[in-house]
Amino acid sequence: TITHIVLFKYKPDISWEAFEKHFEQFMGLKQKSLSKKTGKPLIKSLKAGKNRSWEPFSKGMTHGFVLEFESQEELDYYLTAEPVHLEFSKNAAPLML
């Protein structure tokens, strides 16, 4: 299993509605991002949460996601070619710092 960690630093003026939509869309990737080989979901598991640590190391990152993939090949496809993920990333860019 390959672990992929995603951390987000949102723009301060993002609306609550935009944040909720983004979060919902990210969580939906677990069902919508499919393997080119098998047609099954690429993401084996997906956990998400808000950074609640008081330590000063977050550098403004407020939310984290931990994804697991079957192989490095599956992760590479997800990151570079999987259409649902690429569209999500394009739409998420304006929300991030």
N, C-alpha and C. Protein backbone atom coordinates (compact mmCIF):
# COMPACT_ATOMS: atom_id res chain seq x y z
N THR A 1 0.84 -1.19 0.00
CA THR A 1 0.00 0.00 0.00
C THR A 1 0.88 1.25 0.00
N ILE A 2 0.49 2.23 -0.80
CA ILE A 2 1.20 3.51 -0.90
C ILE A 2 0.36 4.58 -0.22
N THR A 3 0.96 5.35 0.67
CA THR A 3 0.27 6.43 1.36
C THR A 3 0.59 7.75 0.67
N HIS A 4 -0.44 8.55 0.45
CA HIS A 4 -0.32 9.87 -0.17
C HIS A 4 -0.96 10.86 0.79
N ILE A 5 -0.21 11.89 1.20
CA ILE A 5 -0.71 12.88 2.14
C ILE A 5 -0.90 14.20 1.41
N VAL A 6 -2.07 14.81 1.60
CA VAL A 6 -2.40 16.08 0.97
C VAL A 6 -2.70 17.09 2.08
N LEU A 7 -2.06 18.25 2.01
CA LEU A 7 -2.30 19.32 2.98
C LEU A 7 -2.74 20.55 2.22
N PHE A 8 -3.74 21.25 2.74
CA PHE A 8 -4.26 22.44 2.08
C PHE A 8 -4.08 23.67 2.94
N LYS A 9 -3.75 24.77 2.27
CA LYS A 9 -3.71 26.09 2.88
C LYS A 9 -4.67 26.95 2.07
N TYR A 10 -5.83 27.20 2.63
CA TYR A 10 -6.87 27.93 1.92
C TYR A 10 -6.66 29.43 2.00
N LYS A 11 -7.14 30.14 0.99
CA LYS A 11 -7.14 31.59 1.02
C LYS A 11 -8.03 32.05 2.17
N PRO A 12 -7.67 33.15 2.83
CA PRO A 12 -8.46 33.59 3.99
C PRO A 12 -9.87 34.05 3.64
N ASP A 13 -10.12 34.45 2.40
CA ASP A 13 -11.43 34.97 2.04
C ASP A 13 -12.36 33.92 1.42
N ILE A 14 -11.98 32.65 1.49
CA ILE A 14 -12.84 31.59 0.94
C ILE A 14 -14.15 31.54 1.73
N SER A 15 -15.25 31.41 1.02
CA SER A 15 -16.55 31.33 1.70
C SER A 15 -16.74 29.93 2.29
N TRP A 16 -17.61 29.86 3.28
CA TRP A 16 -17.90 28.57 3.90
C TRP A 16 -18.51 27.62 2.88
N GLU A 17 -19.36 28.14 2.01
CA GLU A 17 -19.99 27.32 0.98
C GLU A 17 -18.95 26.75 0.02
N ALA A 18 -17.98 27.57 -0.38
CA ALA A 18 -16.92 27.09 -1.29
C ALA A 18 -16.07 26.03 -0.60
N PHE A 19 -15.78 26.25 0.68
CA PHE A 19 -15.01 25.26 1.43
C PHE A 19 -15.76 23.95 1.52
N GLU A 20 -17.03 23.99 1.89
CA GLU A 20 -17.83 22.76 2.01
C GLU A 20 -17.91 22.02 0.68
N LYS A 21 -18.10 22.74 -0.40
CA LYS A 21 -18.17 22.12 -1.72
C LYS A 21 -16.83 21.45 -2.07
N HIS A 22 -15.74 22.15 -1.80
CA HIS A 22 -14.41 21.60 -2.08
C HIS A 22 -14.17 20.34 -1.26
N PHE A 23 -14.48 20.38 0.01
CA PHE A 23 -14.28 19.23 0.89
C PHE A 23 -15.12 18.04 0.42
N GLU A 24 -16.37 18.31 0.08
CA GLU A 24 -17.27 17.24 -0.40
C GLU A 24 -16.74 16.64 -1.71
N GLN A 25 -16.27 17.49 -2.60
CA GLN A 25 -15.72 17.00 -3.87
C GLN A 25 -14.46 16.16 -3.63
N PHE A 26 -13.61 16.60 -2.71
CA PHE A 26 -12.41 15.82 -2.43
C PHE A 26 -12.78 14.45 -1.89
N MET A 27 -13.70 14.40 -0.95
CA MET A 27 -14.11 13.12 -0.39
C MET A 27 -14.75 12.23 -1.46
N GLY A 28 -15.40 12.83 -2.44
CA GLY A 28 -16.03 12.09 -3.52
C GLY A 28 -15.04 11.43 -4.47
N LEU A 29 -13.79 11.89 -4.44
CA LEU A 29 -12.77 11.28 -5.30
C LEU A 29 -12.61 9.79 -5.00
N LYS A 30 -12.89 9.39 -3.77
CA LYS A 30 -12.74 7.97 -3.40
C LYS A 30 -13.62 7.07 -4.26
N GLN A 31 -14.78 7.54 -4.63
CA GLN A 31 -15.67 6.74 -5.47
C GLN A 31 -15.53 7.06 -6.96
N LYS A 32 -15.14 8.30 -7.28
CA LYS A 32 -15.17 8.75 -8.67
C LYS A 32 -13.86 8.57 -9.43
N SER A 33 -12.72 8.53 -8.73
CA SER A 33 -11.43 8.36 -9.41
C SER A 33 -11.18 6.87 -9.63
N LEU A 34 -11.21 6.48 -10.91
CA LEU A 34 -11.18 5.05 -11.23
C LEU A 34 -9.89 4.63 -11.92
N SER A 35 -9.50 3.40 -11.65
CA SER A 35 -8.32 2.81 -12.27
C SER A 35 -8.55 2.63 -13.76
N LYS A 36 -7.56 2.99 -14.55
CA LYS A 36 -7.63 2.80 -16.00
C LYS A 36 -7.64 1.31 -16.34
N LYS A 37 -6.97 0.51 -15.52
CA LYS A 37 -6.85 -0.93 -15.78
C LYS A 37 -8.10 -1.71 -15.38
N THR A 38 -8.62 -1.43 -14.18
CA THR A 38 -9.70 -2.26 -13.63
C THR A 38 -11.06 -1.59 -13.63
N GLY A 39 -11.10 -0.26 -13.71
CA GLY A 39 -12.37 0.46 -13.61
C GLY A 39 -12.86 0.59 -12.18
N LYS A 40 -12.09 0.09 -11.23
CA LYS A 40 -12.44 0.17 -9.81
C LYS A 40 -11.82 1.43 -9.21
N PRO A 41 -12.33 1.87 -8.04
CA PRO A 41 -11.76 3.05 -7.42
C PRO A 41 -10.26 2.91 -7.16
N LEU A 42 -9.53 3.98 -7.47
CA LEU A 42 -8.09 4.02 -7.24
C LEU A 42 -7.75 4.13 -5.75
N ILE A 43 -8.54 4.90 -5.03
CA ILE A 43 -8.26 5.19 -3.62
C ILE A 43 -8.81 4.07 -2.75
N LYS A 44 -7.91 3.38 -2.05
CA LYS A 44 -8.31 2.28 -1.17
C LYS A 44 -8.94 2.80 0.12
N SER A 45 -8.36 3.88 0.66
CA SER A 45 -8.92 4.49 1.86
C SER A 45 -8.62 5.98 1.82
N LEU A 46 -9.48 6.74 2.49
CA LEU A 46 -9.36 8.19 2.52
C LEU A 46 -9.84 8.69 3.87
N LYS A 47 -8.96 9.38 4.56
CA LYS A 47 -9.30 10.00 5.85
C LYS A 47 -8.99 11.48 5.73
N ALA A 48 -9.77 12.30 6.43
CA ALA A 48 -9.58 13.74 6.35
C ALA A 48 -9.85 14.37 7.70
N GLY A 49 -9.25 15.54 7.91
CA GLY A 49 -9.51 16.25 9.14
C GLY A 49 -8.84 17.60 9.17
N LYS A 50 -9.25 18.38 10.16
CA LYS A 50 -8.71 19.70 10.38
C LYS A 50 -7.51 19.59 11.32
N ASN A 51 -6.49 20.39 11.05
CA ASN A 51 -5.33 20.42 11.93
C ASN A 51 -5.74 21.03 13.26
N ARG A 52 -5.61 20.28 14.32
CA ARG A 52 -5.99 20.76 15.65
C ARG A 52 -4.78 20.87 16.58
N SER A 53 -3.60 20.72 16.02
CA SER A 53 -2.39 20.81 16.83
C SER A 53 -2.07 22.26 17.17
N TRP A 54 -1.60 22.49 18.36
CA TRP A 54 -1.18 23.82 18.77
C TRP A 54 0.30 24.07 18.47
N GLU A 55 1.01 23.04 17.98
CA GLU A 55 2.42 23.21 17.64
C GLU A 55 2.56 24.19 16.47
N PRO A 56 3.64 24.97 16.44
CA PRO A 56 3.78 26.02 15.43
C PRO A 56 4.41 25.55 14.11
N PHE A 57 4.12 24.34 13.67
CA PHE A 57 4.79 23.79 12.49
C PHE A 57 3.89 23.66 11.27
N SER A 58 2.64 24.07 11.36
CA SER A 58 1.69 23.82 10.28
C SER A 58 1.89 24.74 9.07
N LYS A 59 2.55 25.87 9.26
CA LYS A 59 2.80 26.84 8.17
C LYS A 59 1.51 27.22 7.45
N GLY A 60 0.42 27.31 8.20
CA GLY A 60 -0.85 27.74 7.64
C GLY A 60 -1.69 26.63 7.04
N MET A 61 -1.18 25.41 7.03
CA MET A 61 -1.97 24.30 6.50
C MET A 61 -3.07 23.98 7.51
N THR A 62 -4.30 23.98 7.04
CA THR A 62 -5.42 23.85 7.96
C THR A 62 -6.11 22.50 7.90
N HIS A 63 -6.00 21.79 6.77
CA HIS A 63 -6.70 20.52 6.60
C HIS A 63 -5.78 19.50 5.94
N GLY A 64 -5.93 18.26 6.35
CA GLY A 64 -5.11 17.21 5.79
C GLY A 64 -5.96 16.02 5.35
N PHE A 65 -5.44 15.33 4.35
CA PHE A 65 -6.09 14.14 3.80
C PHE A 65 -5.03 13.05 3.68
N VAL A 66 -5.38 11.85 4.09
CA VAL A 66 -4.47 10.71 3.96
C VAL A 66 -5.16 9.70 3.06
N LEU A 67 -4.54 9.43 1.92
CA LEU A 67 -5.09 8.51 0.93
C LEU A 67 -4.17 7.31 0.81
N GLU A 68 -4.75 6.15 0.55
CA GLU A 68 -3.96 4.95 0.30
C GLU A 68 -4.30 4.40 -1.08
N PHE A 69 -3.24 4.00 -1.79
CA PHE A 69 -3.36 3.44 -3.12
C PHE A 69 -2.73 2.06 -3.13
N GLU A 70 -3.15 1.24 -4.06
CA GLU A 70 -2.63 -0.13 -4.18
C GLU A 70 -1.16 -0.16 -4.55
N SER A 71 -0.72 0.79 -5.39
CA SER A 71 0.67 0.77 -5.87
C SER A 71 1.11 2.18 -6.25
N GLN A 72 2.41 2.34 -6.43
CA GLN A 72 2.94 3.62 -6.90
C GLN A 72 2.41 3.93 -8.29
N GLU A 73 2.25 2.92 -9.10
CA GLU A 73 1.71 3.10 -10.45
C GLU A 73 0.30 3.70 -10.40
N GLU A 74 -0.54 3.20 -9.50
CA GLU A 74 -1.90 3.73 -9.35
C GLU A 74 -1.87 5.19 -8.88
N LEU A 75 -0.99 5.50 -7.91
CA LEU A 75 -0.87 6.87 -7.44
C LEU A 75 -0.38 7.78 -8.56
N ASP A 76 0.61 7.34 -9.30
CA ASP A 76 1.14 8.15 -10.40
C ASP A 76 0.05 8.45 -11.43
N TYR A 77 -0.74 7.46 -11.76
CA TYR A 77 -1.85 7.68 -12.70
C TYR A 77 -2.85 8.69 -12.12
N TYR A 78 -3.20 8.52 -10.85
CA TYR A 78 -4.13 9.43 -10.18
C TYR A 78 -3.63 10.87 -10.25
N LEU A 79 -2.34 11.06 -9.97
CA LEU A 79 -1.78 12.41 -9.92
C LEU A 79 -1.60 13.05 -11.29
N THR A 80 -1.32 12.27 -12.30
CA THR A 80 -0.92 12.85 -13.59
C THR A 80 -1.93 12.69 -14.72
N ALA A 81 -2.85 11.74 -14.63
CA ALA A 81 -3.70 11.47 -15.79
C ALA A 81 -5.16 11.20 -15.48
N GLU A 82 -5.51 10.87 -14.27
CA GLU A 82 -6.89 10.49 -13.95
C GLU A 82 -7.78 11.73 -14.12
N PRO A 83 -8.75 11.70 -15.04
CA PRO A 83 -9.51 12.90 -15.40
C PRO A 83 -10.30 13.55 -14.26
N VAL A 84 -10.91 12.76 -13.40
CA VAL A 84 -11.71 13.33 -12.30
C VAL A 84 -10.80 14.09 -11.34
N HIS A 85 -9.65 13.51 -11.01
CA HIS A 85 -8.71 14.18 -10.11
C HIS A 85 -8.14 15.44 -10.75
N LEU A 86 -7.80 15.39 -12.02
CA LEU A 86 -7.24 16.56 -12.70
C LEU A 86 -8.26 17.70 -12.72
N GLU A 87 -9.51 17.40 -12.97
CA GLU A 87 -10.56 18.43 -12.95
C GLU A 87 -10.73 19.00 -11.55
N PHE A 88 -10.72 18.13 -10.54
CA PHE A 88 -10.82 18.60 -9.16
C PHE A 88 -9.67 19.56 -8.84
N SER A 89 -8.46 19.20 -9.21
CA SER A 89 -7.29 20.03 -8.93
C SER A 89 -7.39 21.38 -9.62
N LYS A 90 -7.85 21.40 -10.86
CA LYS A 90 -8.01 22.65 -11.59
C LYS A 90 -9.00 23.56 -10.89
N ASN A 91 -10.12 22.99 -10.43
CA ASN A 91 -11.14 23.77 -9.75
C ASN A 91 -10.73 24.19 -8.34
N ALA A 92 -9.84 23.44 -7.72
CA ALA A 92 -9.40 23.74 -6.35
C ALA A 92 -8.36 24.85 -6.31
N ALA A 93 -7.60 25.01 -7.37
CA ALA A 93 -6.48 25.95 -7.39
C ALA A 93 -6.86 27.36 -6.94
N PRO A 94 -7.99 27.92 -7.38
CA PRO A 94 -8.33 29.29 -6.96
C PRO A 94 -8.63 29.43 -5.46
N LEU A 95 -8.84 28.32 -4.76
CA LEU A 95 -9.15 28.36 -3.34
C LEU A 95 -7.91 28.34 -2.45
N MET A 96 -6.78 28.01 -3.04
CA MET A 96 -5.56 27.76 -2.28
C MET A 96 -4.58 28.94 -2.34
N LEU A 97 -3.77 29.02 -1.31
CA LEU A 97 -2.66 29.98 -1.31
C LEU A 97 -1.45 29.34 -1.94
